[in-house]
Amino acid sequence: MALLPRLATAALLLSALAGCGGAGSGADGERLTIAATAVPHAEILEVVKPLLAKDGIDLQVRIFNDYVQPNDQVVQGQIDVNYFQTEPYLDAYNRDRGTDLTTLVGVHIEPFGAYSRRYTSLDAVPDGADVVIPNDPSNNSRALILLHHSGVITLKDPDDALATLRDITANPKHLKFRELDAAMLPRVLDQVDLALINTNYALDAGLDPGKDALAIEGKDSPYVNFLVGRPDKKDDPRVQKLITALTGEEVRSFIQTKYRDAVIPAF
């Protein structure tokens, strides 16, 4: 093969590889990719972007509307880190898929809530009501634990972070539970009696957890939202700078001002 065609082929190959946009492959080596859900995670990261830019880091936020792909893509190395999940959810993901993603820093708490368009209190929810809860193991349990502490049902062990519907020992209202993808719950709120919704999806749907929730977790909720990555990212200088920015006063002030009690800093 002639030298010129070889060079042309090599150039095309390099161009194709650059177009793939793998994690951390910016022209200056300082790009950092992060997966997040839209609210509040991506909004918080918009505060962080200019802070990292001062350190020469281009933070690229990729928004997802589900809880699986952000982890899958970090595992596959397509994205550097993600910011959307609690530790119990991550534990369940790692257990089910044999992966080893790890928490890097806790950033905020989103108190989980119960919502209804039809009733103004849990006491008013009728016998045999149609109740929807998330179908992933961590948030499924979180919904049931909230209903237990609100006196609606009784669980065998309310401290079990992976409790299931099978662990309900008393259901005096004979509630009829259905499990749906967490992102779907705000969309069916008008069609059911009660929905247990993650705060990020509640906020994205225009709900005000402090005003609209019939029951909500307290500020002592153990469900902190973490920055998560592969173990090899722990000592990455770019990630360390992201951690510093995410737990700085600018982010604390933004969270407290914008979200009030719907999102609480965990640092």
Protein backbone atom coordinates (compact mmCIF):
# COMPACT_ATOMS: atom_id res chain seq x y z
CA MET A 1 0.00 0.00 0.00
CA ALA A 2 1.31 3.49 -0.84
CA LEU A 3 2.28 5.85 1.99
CA LEU A 4 -0.37 8.49 1.15
CA PRO A 5 -3.33 6.07 1.32
CA ARG A 6 -1.94 4.72 4.58
CA LEU A 7 -1.81 8.20 6.07
CA ALA A 8 -5.32 8.93 4.82
CA THR A 9 -6.61 5.71 6.38
CA ALA A 10 -4.93 6.54 9.68
CA ALA A 11 -6.43 10.01 9.66
CA LEU A 12 -9.90 8.62 9.06
CA LEU A 13 -9.46 6.16 11.91
CA LEU A 14 -8.36 8.86 14.32
CA SER A 15 -11.29 11.01 13.25
CA ALA A 16 -13.72 8.16 13.88
CA LEU A 17 -12.25 7.51 17.32
CA ALA A 18 -12.52 11.18 18.21
CA GLY A 19 -16.13 11.19 17.07
CA CYS A 20 -16.94 8.40 19.55
CA GLY A 21 -16.38 10.91 22.33
CA GLY A 22 -15.30 8.44 25.01
CA ALA A 23 -15.15 9.52 28.65
CA GLY A 24 -12.43 12.00 29.47
CA SER A 25 -11.13 12.25 25.90
CA GLY A 26 -11.20 16.01 25.39
CA ALA A 27 -8.59 17.63 23.20
CA ASP A 28 -6.78 19.03 26.26
CA GLY A 29 -7.31 15.89 28.36
CA GLU A 30 -9.38 17.89 30.87
CA ARG A 31 -12.89 17.02 29.75
CA LEU A 32 -15.02 15.27 32.39
CA THR A 33 -18.32 13.63 31.51
CA ILE A 34 -21.10 13.08 34.01
CA ALA A 35 -24.53 11.44 33.74
CA ALA A 36 -27.38 12.97 35.72
CA THR A 37 -31.13 13.21 35.94
CA ALA A 38 -32.55 16.61 35.02
CA VAL A 39 -33.83 17.93 38.36
CA PRO A 40 -32.16 18.75 40.64
CA HIS A 41 -28.92 17.02 39.67
CA ALA A 42 -28.27 18.62 36.28
CA GLU A 43 -29.36 22.01 37.63
CA ILE A 44 -26.85 21.71 40.47
CA LEU A 45 -24.16 20.73 37.99
CA GLU A 46 -24.81 23.93 36.03
CA VAL A 47 -23.59 25.78 39.13
CA VAL A 48 -20.50 23.59 39.21
CA LYS A 49 -19.57 24.00 35.52
CA PRO A 50 -18.07 27.52 35.75
CA LEU A 51 -16.26 26.59 38.97
CA LEU A 52 -14.50 23.71 37.21
CA ALA A 53 -13.88 25.80 34.11
CA LYS A 54 -11.65 28.04 36.24
CA ASP A 55 -9.53 24.94 36.89
CA GLY A 56 -9.41 24.12 33.18
CA ILE A 57 -11.98 21.32 33.34
CA ASP A 58 -14.78 21.11 30.78
CA LEU A 59 -17.68 19.42 32.60
CA GLN A 60 -20.06 17.84 30.10
CA VAL A 61 -23.44 16.90 31.59
CA ARG A 62 -25.47 14.19 29.89
CA ILE A 63 -29.07 14.05 31.07
CA PHE A 64 -30.98 10.79 31.46
CA ASN A 65 -34.59 10.10 32.41
CA ASP A 66 -34.04 6.67 33.89
CA TYR A 67 -32.01 5.07 36.66
CA VAL A 68 -30.27 2.30 34.70
CA GLN A 69 -28.39 3.82 31.75
CA PRO A 70 -26.40 6.31 33.89
CA ASN A 71 -24.82 3.36 35.72
CA ASP A 72 -24.51 1.15 32.64
CA GLN A 73 -22.59 3.82 30.76
CA VAL A 74 -20.22 4.48 33.64
CA VAL A 75 -19.53 0.75 33.94
CA GLN A 76 -18.82 0.61 30.19
CA GLY A 77 -16.50 3.62 30.36
CA GLN A 78 -18.68 5.74 28.07
CA ILE A 79 -19.13 8.32 30.85
CA ASP A 80 -16.72 9.12 33.69
CA VAL A 81 -19.07 9.46 36.69
CA ASN A 82 -22.74 9.92 37.51
CA TYR A 83 -24.84 11.84 39.99
CA PHE A 84 -28.42 10.70 40.55
CA GLN A 85 -28.66 7.84 43.05
CA THR A 86 -28.70 6.76 46.67
CA GLU A 87 -26.39 4.17 48.16
CA PRO A 88 -29.12 1.51 48.62
CA TYR A 89 -29.99 1.85 44.92
CA LEU A 90 -26.32 1.53 43.96
CA ASP A 91 -25.91 -1.51 46.21
CA ALA A 92 -28.85 -3.23 44.51
CA TYR A 93 -27.48 -2.36 41.04
CA ASN A 94 -24.03 -3.75 41.87
CA ARG A 95 -25.51 -6.88 43.42
CA ASP A 96 -27.81 -7.61 40.48
CA ARG A 97 -25.18 -6.99 37.79
CA GLY A 98 -21.97 -8.07 39.46
CA THR A 99 -20.44 -4.60 39.11
CA ASP A 100 -18.31 -2.58 41.53
CA LEU A 101 -19.32 1.06 41.13
CA THR A 102 -18.56 3.03 44.26
CA THR A 103 -19.77 6.17 46.01
CA LEU A 104 -17.36 9.10 45.78
CA VAL A 105 -19.11 11.79 47.85
CA GLY A 106 -22.57 12.46 49.27
CA VAL A 107 -24.12 15.69 47.97
CA HIS A 108 -27.78 16.06 48.88
CA ILE A 109 -30.95 14.45 50.22
CA GLU A 110 -34.29 14.52 48.42
CA PRO A 111 -37.03 13.65 50.93
CA PHE A 112 -39.27 11.02 49.27
CA GLY A 113 -43.00 11.82 49.16
CA ALA A 114 -46.52 10.44 48.74
CA TYR A 115 -48.80 12.42 46.38
CA SER A 116 -52.44 12.44 45.31
CA ARG A 117 -54.59 14.56 43.00
CA ARG A 118 -57.76 13.12 44.53
CA TYR A 119 -57.22 13.33 48.27
CA THR A 120 -55.73 15.90 50.62
CA SER A 121 -54.56 13.55 53.36
CA LEU A 122 -53.54 9.93 53.80
CA ASP A 123 -56.50 9.46 56.14
CA ALA A 124 -58.83 10.34 53.26
CA VAL A 125 -57.37 7.67 50.96
CA PRO A 126 -60.18 5.07 50.76
CA ASP A 127 -60.31 1.33 51.29
CA GLY A 128 -58.99 -0.54 48.26
CA ALA A 129 -57.21 2.51 46.86
CA ASP A 130 -54.97 2.18 43.81
CA VAL A 131 -51.38 2.95 44.88
CA VAL A 132 -48.33 3.07 42.61
CA ILE A 133 -44.75 2.76 43.84
CA PRO A 134 -41.35 2.55 42.07
CA ASN A 135 -40.38 -0.85 40.75
CA ASP A 136 -36.64 -0.71 41.42
CA PRO A 137 -35.62 -2.46 44.68
CA SER A 138 -34.26 0.53 46.59
CA ASN A 139 -37.04 3.04 45.86
CA ASN A 140 -39.69 0.33 46.13
CA SER A 141 -38.58 -0.27 49.72
CA ARG A 142 -38.28 3.44 50.39
CA ALA A 143 -41.93 3.94 49.41
CA LEU A 144 -43.10 1.13 51.67
CA ILE A 145 -41.01 2.39 54.59
CA LEU A 146 -42.56 5.86 54.22
CA LEU A 147 -46.07 4.35 54.27
CA HIS A 148 -45.12 2.30 57.33
CA HIS A 149 -43.90 5.37 59.24
CA SER A 150 -47.05 7.22 58.16
CA GLY A 151 -49.22 4.52 59.74
CA VAL A 152 -50.75 3.33 56.46
CA ILE A 153 -49.21 -0.17 56.41
CA THR A 154 -47.04 -2.26 58.72
CA LEU A 155 -43.78 -3.83 57.60
CA LYS A 156 -42.10 -6.81 59.19
CA ASP A 157 -38.87 -4.79 59.48
CA PRO A 158 -39.11 -1.06 58.67
CA ASP A 159 -35.32 -0.79 58.91
CA ASP A 160 -34.84 -3.20 56.02
CA ALA A 161 -33.63 -1.03 53.11
CA LEU A 162 -34.73 -3.74 50.68
CA ALA A 163 -38.18 -4.53 52.10
CA THR A 164 -40.74 -5.67 49.51
CA LEU A 165 -44.50 -5.99 49.23
CA ARG A 166 -44.12 -9.50 50.67
CA ASP A 167 -42.90 -7.92 53.91
CA ILE A 168 -46.20 -6.10 54.57
CA THR A 169 -47.74 -7.64 57.68
CA ALA A 170 -50.76 -5.32 57.91
CA ASN A 171 -52.65 -3.39 55.23
CA PRO A 172 -55.83 -2.16 56.98
CA LYS A 173 -56.98 -0.08 53.99
CA HIS A 174 -56.51 -3.04 51.64
CA LEU A 175 -54.42 -0.86 49.34
CA LYS A 176 -53.85 -2.28 45.88
CA PHE A 177 -50.20 -1.78 44.97
CA ARG A 178 -48.77 -1.55 41.48
CA GLU A 179 -45.08 -1.20 40.66
CA LEU A 180 -44.02 1.10 37.81
CA ASP A 181 -40.82 2.65 36.54
CA ALA A 182 -40.00 5.59 38.80
CA ALA A 183 -39.98 8.08 35.92
CA MET A 184 -43.56 7.09 35.02
CA LEU A 185 -45.11 7.86 38.40
CA PRO A 186 -45.76 11.61 37.95
CA ARG A 187 -47.37 10.86 34.58
CA VAL A 188 -49.99 8.54 36.11
CA LEU A 189 -50.70 10.69 39.18
CA ASP A 190 -54.07 11.79 37.76
CA GLN A 191 -55.06 8.17 37.16
CA VAL A 192 -54.42 6.70 40.61
CA ASP A 193 -55.36 7.38 44.22
CA LEU A 194 -51.83 7.65 45.56
CA ALA A 195 -48.32 7.71 44.06
CA LEU A 196 -45.00 7.46 45.87
CA ILE A 197 -42.61 9.63 43.87
CA ASN A 198 -38.89 10.39 44.00
CA THR A 199 -38.34 14.09 44.58
CA ASN A 200 -36.28 14.60 41.41
CA TYR A 201 -39.22 13.39 39.31
CA ALA A 202 -41.71 15.29 41.47
CA LEU A 203 -39.81 18.54 40.94
CA ASP A 204 -39.48 17.85 37.23
CA ALA A 205 -43.27 17.44 37.06
CA GLY A 206 -43.89 20.78 38.78
CA LEU A 207 -44.83 19.37 42.17
CA ASP A 208 -43.75 21.16 45.35
CA PRO A 209 -42.80 18.44 47.86
CA GLY A 210 -43.09 20.80 50.81
CA LYS A 211 -46.68 21.74 49.90
CA ASP A 212 -48.05 18.89 47.78
CA ALA A 213 -46.81 15.75 49.52
CA LEU A 214 -49.31 14.04 51.84
CA ALA A 215 -46.36 12.40 53.59
CA ILE A 216 -42.65 13.04 53.20
CA GLU A 217 -39.41 11.81 54.69
CA GLY A 218 -37.79 13.93 57.35
CA LYS A 219 -34.53 15.82 57.06
CA ASP A 220 -32.80 12.88 58.74
CA SER A 221 -33.45 10.64 55.73
CA PRO A 222 -30.52 8.26 55.17
CA TYR A 223 -31.05 8.36 51.39
CA VAL A 224 -28.21 10.66 50.36
CA ASN A 225 -27.65 11.24 46.64
CA PHE A 226 -24.04 10.41 45.74
CA LEU A 227 -21.51 11.13 43.06
CA VAL A 228 -20.65 7.64 41.79
CA GLY A 229 -17.91 6.18 39.61
CA ARG A 230 -15.68 3.21 38.96
CA PRO A 231 -13.05 2.54 41.66
CA ASP A 232 -10.28 3.81 39.36
CA LYS A 233 -11.90 7.28 39.37
CA LYS A 234 -11.36 7.85 43.10
CA ASP A 235 -7.95 9.46 42.63
CA ASP A 236 -8.62 11.13 39.27
CA PRO A 237 -7.62 14.82 39.76
CA ARG A 238 -10.59 15.96 37.66
CA VAL A 239 -13.00 14.00 39.87
CA GLN A 240 -11.35 15.35 43.02
CA LYS A 241 -11.94 18.89 41.77
CA LEU A 242 -15.55 17.99 40.97
CA ILE A 243 -15.99 16.69 44.52
CA THR A 244 -14.60 19.91 45.95
CA ALA A 245 -16.96 22.01 43.84
CA LEU A 246 -20.03 19.86 44.56
CA THR A 247 -19.50 20.22 48.29
CA GLY A 248 -18.65 23.91 48.29
CA GLU A 249 -20.56 26.91 49.59
CA GLU A 250 -21.76 27.96 46.13
CA VAL A 251 -23.63 24.68 45.74
CA ARG A 252 -24.93 24.73 49.31
CA SER A 253 -26.33 28.24 48.82
CA PHE A 254 -27.90 27.32 45.47
CA ILE A 255 -29.64 24.23 46.87
CA GLN A 256 -31.00 26.05 49.90
CA THR A 257 -32.21 29.03 47.90
CA LYS A 258 -33.73 27.22 44.92
CA TYR A 259 -35.23 24.10 46.48
CA ARG A 260 -35.79 25.04 50.13
CA ASP A 261 -36.81 21.87 52.04
CA ALA A 262 -37.35 19.80 48.87
CA VAL A 263 -33.60 19.25 48.53
CA ILE A 264 -31.22 19.36 51.49
CA PRO A 265 -27.39 19.58 51.37
CA ALA A 266 -25.74 16.51 52.85
CA PHE A 267 -22.35 18.11 53.45
